[in-house]
N, C-alpha and C. Protein backbone atom coordinates (compact mmCIF):
# COMPACT_ATOMS: atom_id res chain seq x y z
N MET A 1 96.31 86.90 115.60
CA MET A 1 97.65 86.83 115.07
C MET A 1 98.42 85.80 115.88
N THR A 2 98.60 84.64 115.30
CA THR A 2 99.20 83.55 116.03
C THR A 2 100.72 83.54 115.96
N GLU A 3 101.29 84.10 114.92
CA GLU A 3 102.73 84.08 114.77
C GLU A 3 103.32 85.40 115.24
N GLY A 4 104.19 85.34 116.22
CA GLY A 4 104.84 86.55 116.69
C GLY A 4 103.89 87.54 117.33
N GLU A 5 103.02 87.05 118.18
CA GLU A 5 102.05 87.95 118.81
C GLU A 5 102.76 89.01 119.64
N ILE A 6 102.13 90.15 119.72
CA ILE A 6 102.67 91.22 120.55
C ILE A 6 101.81 91.32 121.81
N GLY A 7 102.38 91.84 122.87
CA GLY A 7 101.65 91.96 124.13
C GLY A 7 100.69 93.13 124.12
N TRP A 8 99.90 93.23 125.19
CA TRP A 8 98.91 94.30 125.30
C TRP A 8 99.56 95.68 125.37
N VAL A 9 100.63 95.79 126.13
CA VAL A 9 101.29 97.09 126.27
C VAL A 9 101.88 97.53 124.94
N THR A 10 102.51 96.59 124.24
CA THR A 10 103.07 96.91 122.92
C THR A 10 101.97 97.26 121.94
N ALA A 11 100.84 96.55 122.00
CA ALA A 11 99.72 96.84 121.10
C ALA A 11 99.17 98.24 121.34
N ILE A 12 99.09 98.66 122.60
CA ILE A 12 98.61 100.01 122.91
C ILE A 12 99.59 101.06 122.40
N ILE A 13 100.88 100.85 122.62
CA ILE A 13 101.88 101.82 122.18
C ILE A 13 101.90 101.91 120.65
N VAL A 14 101.88 100.77 119.98
CA VAL A 14 101.89 100.77 118.52
C VAL A 14 100.60 101.40 117.99
N GLY A 15 99.46 101.15 118.63
CA GLY A 15 98.21 101.78 118.23
C GLY A 15 98.24 103.29 118.39
N LEU A 16 98.87 103.76 119.46
CA LEU A 16 99.02 105.21 119.65
C LEU A 16 99.89 105.82 118.56
N VAL A 17 100.98 105.15 118.22
CA VAL A 17 101.87 105.66 117.16
C VAL A 17 101.14 105.65 115.82
N ALA A 18 100.39 104.59 115.55
CA ALA A 18 99.63 104.52 114.30
C ALA A 18 98.58 105.62 114.23
N GLY A 19 97.92 105.90 115.33
CA GLY A 19 96.93 106.99 115.36
C GLY A 19 97.56 108.34 115.16
N TRP A 20 98.72 108.55 115.76
CA TRP A 20 99.42 109.83 115.59
C TRP A 20 99.85 110.00 114.14
N MET A 21 100.39 108.93 113.53
CA MET A 21 100.80 109.00 112.13
C MET A 21 99.60 109.28 111.22
N ALA A 22 98.48 108.63 111.48
CA ALA A 22 97.28 108.84 110.66
C ALA A 22 96.75 110.26 110.83
N ASP A 23 96.82 110.80 112.04
CA ASP A 23 96.37 112.18 112.29
C ASP A 23 97.22 113.16 111.50
N LYS A 24 98.52 112.95 111.46
CA LYS A 24 99.40 113.84 110.70
C LYS A 24 99.18 113.68 109.20
N PHE A 25 98.96 112.44 108.75
CA PHE A 25 98.76 112.17 107.33
C PHE A 25 97.44 112.74 106.83
N MET A 26 96.38 112.61 107.64
CA MET A 26 95.05 113.05 107.22
C MET A 26 94.78 114.52 107.55
N HIS A 27 95.67 115.18 108.28
CA HIS A 27 95.54 116.59 108.66
C HIS A 27 94.23 116.87 109.41
N THR A 28 93.89 116.01 110.36
CA THR A 28 92.67 116.24 111.13
C THR A 28 92.92 117.12 112.35
N HIS A 29 94.13 117.12 112.88
CA HIS A 29 94.51 117.96 114.02
C HIS A 29 93.60 117.76 115.23
N LEU A 30 93.31 116.51 115.56
CA LEU A 30 92.52 116.21 116.76
C LEU A 30 93.40 116.37 117.99
N PRO A 31 92.89 116.94 119.07
CA PRO A 31 93.73 117.11 120.25
C PRO A 31 94.30 115.78 120.77
N PHE A 32 93.46 114.84 121.15
CA PHE A 32 93.92 113.52 121.57
C PHE A 32 93.03 112.43 121.02
N GLY A 33 92.18 112.77 120.06
CA GLY A 33 91.31 111.78 119.46
C GLY A 33 92.07 110.76 118.64
N TRP A 34 93.25 111.13 118.19
CA TRP A 34 94.06 110.20 117.38
C TRP A 34 94.46 108.97 118.18
N ALA A 35 94.53 109.09 119.50
CA ALA A 35 94.91 107.94 120.33
C ALA A 35 93.84 106.85 120.24
N ALA A 36 92.59 107.24 120.44
CA ALA A 36 91.50 106.27 120.37
C ALA A 36 91.31 105.76 118.95
N VAL A 37 91.46 106.64 117.97
CA VAL A 37 91.29 106.24 116.58
C VAL A 37 92.39 105.26 116.17
N GLY A 38 93.61 105.50 116.61
CA GLY A 38 94.72 104.61 116.26
C GLY A 38 94.56 103.23 116.85
N MET A 39 94.21 103.17 118.11
CA MET A 39 94.03 101.86 118.74
C MET A 39 92.81 101.14 118.15
N SER A 40 91.74 101.88 117.87
CA SER A 40 90.56 101.26 117.28
C SER A 40 90.84 100.76 115.87
N GLY A 41 91.52 101.57 115.08
CA GLY A 41 91.85 101.17 113.72
C GLY A 41 92.76 99.96 113.69
N ALA A 42 93.74 99.93 114.58
CA ALA A 42 94.65 98.79 114.64
C ALA A 42 93.89 97.53 115.04
N PHE A 43 93.02 97.64 116.02
CA PHE A 43 92.25 96.48 116.47
C PHE A 43 91.33 95.97 115.38
N ILE A 44 90.59 96.88 114.75
CA ILE A 44 89.60 96.48 113.75
C ILE A 44 90.26 95.84 112.54
N LEU A 45 91.28 96.49 111.98
CA LEU A 45 91.90 95.96 110.77
C LEU A 45 92.67 94.68 111.04
N ASN A 46 93.29 94.56 112.21
CA ASN A 46 93.96 93.30 112.54
C ASN A 46 92.96 92.18 112.76
N ALA A 47 91.81 92.48 113.34
CA ALA A 47 90.78 91.46 113.51
C ALA A 47 90.23 91.00 112.16
N ILE A 48 90.04 91.95 111.24
CA ILE A 48 89.57 91.60 109.90
C ILE A 48 90.61 90.74 109.18
N ALA A 49 91.88 91.11 109.30
CA ALA A 49 92.94 90.33 108.65
C ALA A 49 93.02 88.92 109.22
N GLU A 50 92.85 88.80 110.52
CA GLU A 50 92.91 87.47 111.14
C GLU A 50 91.72 86.62 110.71
N LYS A 51 90.53 87.21 110.63
CA LYS A 51 89.36 86.46 110.19
C LYS A 51 89.47 86.06 108.72
N ALA A 52 90.16 86.86 107.93
CA ALA A 52 90.35 86.55 106.51
C ALA A 52 91.41 85.49 106.29
N GLY A 53 92.13 85.12 107.34
CA GLY A 53 93.11 84.05 107.22
C GLY A 53 94.54 84.52 107.13
N TYR A 54 94.78 85.80 107.23
CA TYR A 54 96.14 86.33 107.18
C TYR A 54 96.71 86.34 108.59
N HIS A 55 97.81 85.65 108.78
CA HIS A 55 98.41 85.57 110.10
C HIS A 55 99.82 86.15 110.05
N TRP A 56 99.88 87.47 109.99
CA TRP A 56 101.16 88.14 110.03
C TRP A 56 101.54 88.34 111.48
N GLY A 57 102.79 88.49 111.72
CA GLY A 57 103.20 88.68 113.10
C GLY A 57 104.10 89.89 113.24
N GLY A 58 104.20 90.37 114.47
CA GLY A 58 105.13 91.44 114.78
C GLY A 58 104.51 92.81 114.86
N TRP A 59 105.29 93.71 115.41
CA TRP A 59 104.78 95.05 115.67
C TRP A 59 104.74 95.89 114.41
N LEU A 60 105.62 95.62 113.42
CA LEU A 60 105.63 96.43 112.20
C LEU A 60 104.34 96.21 111.40
N THR A 61 103.91 94.98 111.29
CA THR A 61 102.66 94.69 110.60
C THR A 61 101.49 95.30 111.36
N TYR A 62 101.51 95.20 112.67
CA TYR A 62 100.46 95.79 113.49
C TYR A 62 100.42 97.31 113.29
N LEU A 63 101.60 97.92 113.17
CA LEU A 63 101.68 99.36 112.94
C LEU A 63 101.10 99.74 111.58
N LEU A 64 101.45 99.00 110.55
CA LEU A 64 100.94 99.31 109.21
C LEU A 64 99.43 99.13 109.13
N LEU A 65 98.94 98.01 109.67
CA LEU A 65 97.50 97.80 109.66
C LEU A 65 96.78 98.84 110.53
N GLY A 66 97.40 99.22 111.64
CA GLY A 66 96.82 100.25 112.49
C GLY A 66 96.76 101.60 111.80
N PHE A 67 97.81 101.93 111.05
CA PHE A 67 97.84 103.19 110.31
C PHE A 67 96.73 103.22 109.26
N PHE A 68 96.62 102.15 108.47
CA PHE A 68 95.58 102.12 107.44
C PHE A 68 94.18 102.08 108.06
N GLY A 69 94.03 101.35 109.16
CA GLY A 69 92.74 101.32 109.83
C GLY A 69 92.35 102.67 110.40
N ALA A 70 93.32 103.37 110.99
CA ALA A 70 93.05 104.70 111.54
C ALA A 70 92.72 105.69 110.42
N CYS A 71 93.41 105.59 109.30
CA CYS A 71 93.09 106.47 108.17
C CYS A 71 91.67 106.22 107.67
N MET A 72 91.28 104.95 107.63
CA MET A 72 89.91 104.64 107.19
C MET A 72 88.88 105.20 108.16
N LEU A 73 89.19 105.20 109.45
CA LEU A 73 88.26 105.77 110.43
C LEU A 73 88.26 107.29 110.40
N LEU A 74 89.35 107.90 109.95
CA LEU A 74 89.43 109.36 109.93
C LEU A 74 88.86 109.98 108.65
N ILE A 75 88.66 109.20 107.61
CA ILE A 75 88.14 109.75 106.36
C ILE A 75 86.80 110.45 106.55
N PRO A 76 85.79 109.83 107.19
CA PRO A 76 84.52 110.56 107.36
C PRO A 76 84.66 111.83 108.19
N LEU A 77 85.51 111.80 109.21
CA LEU A 77 85.72 112.99 110.03
C LEU A 77 86.38 114.10 109.20
N ARG A 78 87.35 113.74 108.41
CA ARG A 78 88.04 114.73 107.57
C ARG A 78 87.08 115.33 106.55
N LEU A 79 86.25 114.50 105.93
CA LEU A 79 85.28 115.01 104.97
C LEU A 79 84.29 115.96 105.64
N TYR A 80 83.85 115.63 106.84
CA TYR A 80 82.94 116.50 107.57
C TYR A 80 83.61 117.84 107.90
N MET A 81 84.86 117.78 108.34
CA MET A 81 85.56 119.01 108.71
C MET A 81 85.76 119.92 107.50
N VAL A 82 86.07 119.35 106.35
CA VAL A 82 86.31 120.15 105.15
C VAL A 82 85.01 120.76 104.64
N ARG A 83 83.95 120.00 104.68
CA ARG A 83 82.69 120.48 104.10
C ARG A 83 81.93 121.45 105.00
N THR A 84 82.22 121.49 106.28
CA THR A 84 81.47 122.37 107.17
C THR A 84 82.25 123.60 107.63
N ARG A 85 83.48 123.75 107.18
CA ARG A 85 84.22 124.94 107.63
C ARG A 85 83.69 126.19 106.92
N LEU A 86 83.82 127.28 107.61
CA LEU A 86 83.32 128.55 107.08
C LEU A 86 84.27 129.07 106.00
N PRO A 87 83.71 129.61 104.93
CA PRO A 87 84.59 130.17 103.90
C PRO A 87 85.28 131.43 104.39
N LYS A 88 86.49 131.62 103.94
CA LYS A 88 87.25 132.81 104.33
C LYS A 88 86.95 133.95 103.37
N THR A 89 86.95 135.15 103.92
CA THR A 89 86.79 136.33 103.08
C THR A 89 88.12 136.63 102.39
N PRO A 90 88.10 137.38 101.32
CA PRO A 90 89.36 137.69 100.62
C PRO A 90 90.37 138.42 101.51
N ASP A 91 89.91 139.12 102.54
CA ASP A 91 90.84 139.80 103.43
C ASP A 91 91.65 138.82 104.27
N GLU A 92 91.11 137.63 104.52
CA GLU A 92 91.79 136.64 105.35
C GLU A 92 92.72 135.74 104.57
N TRP A 93 92.74 135.86 103.24
CA TRP A 93 93.62 135.03 102.44
C TRP A 93 95.01 135.46 102.70
């Protein structure tokens, strides 16, 4: 991202916020896994956007791409959690 680059500290903070937002949106309820997922998603999707020729700048774009990247990383985890949970008995409804 050549235009309006953000620093490392800002990238980490925005990645954490993006991971937290994705965790709440996807209902995964990870204790602190959302931090790593948010930073990873932000890094991966921003790298893909830069390689594709999109040079957006600023923390808001980094946040949006981080949110979507984190959601993409959380989809397999969410599917696994839903498909492997134990069924509830009618008494627990």
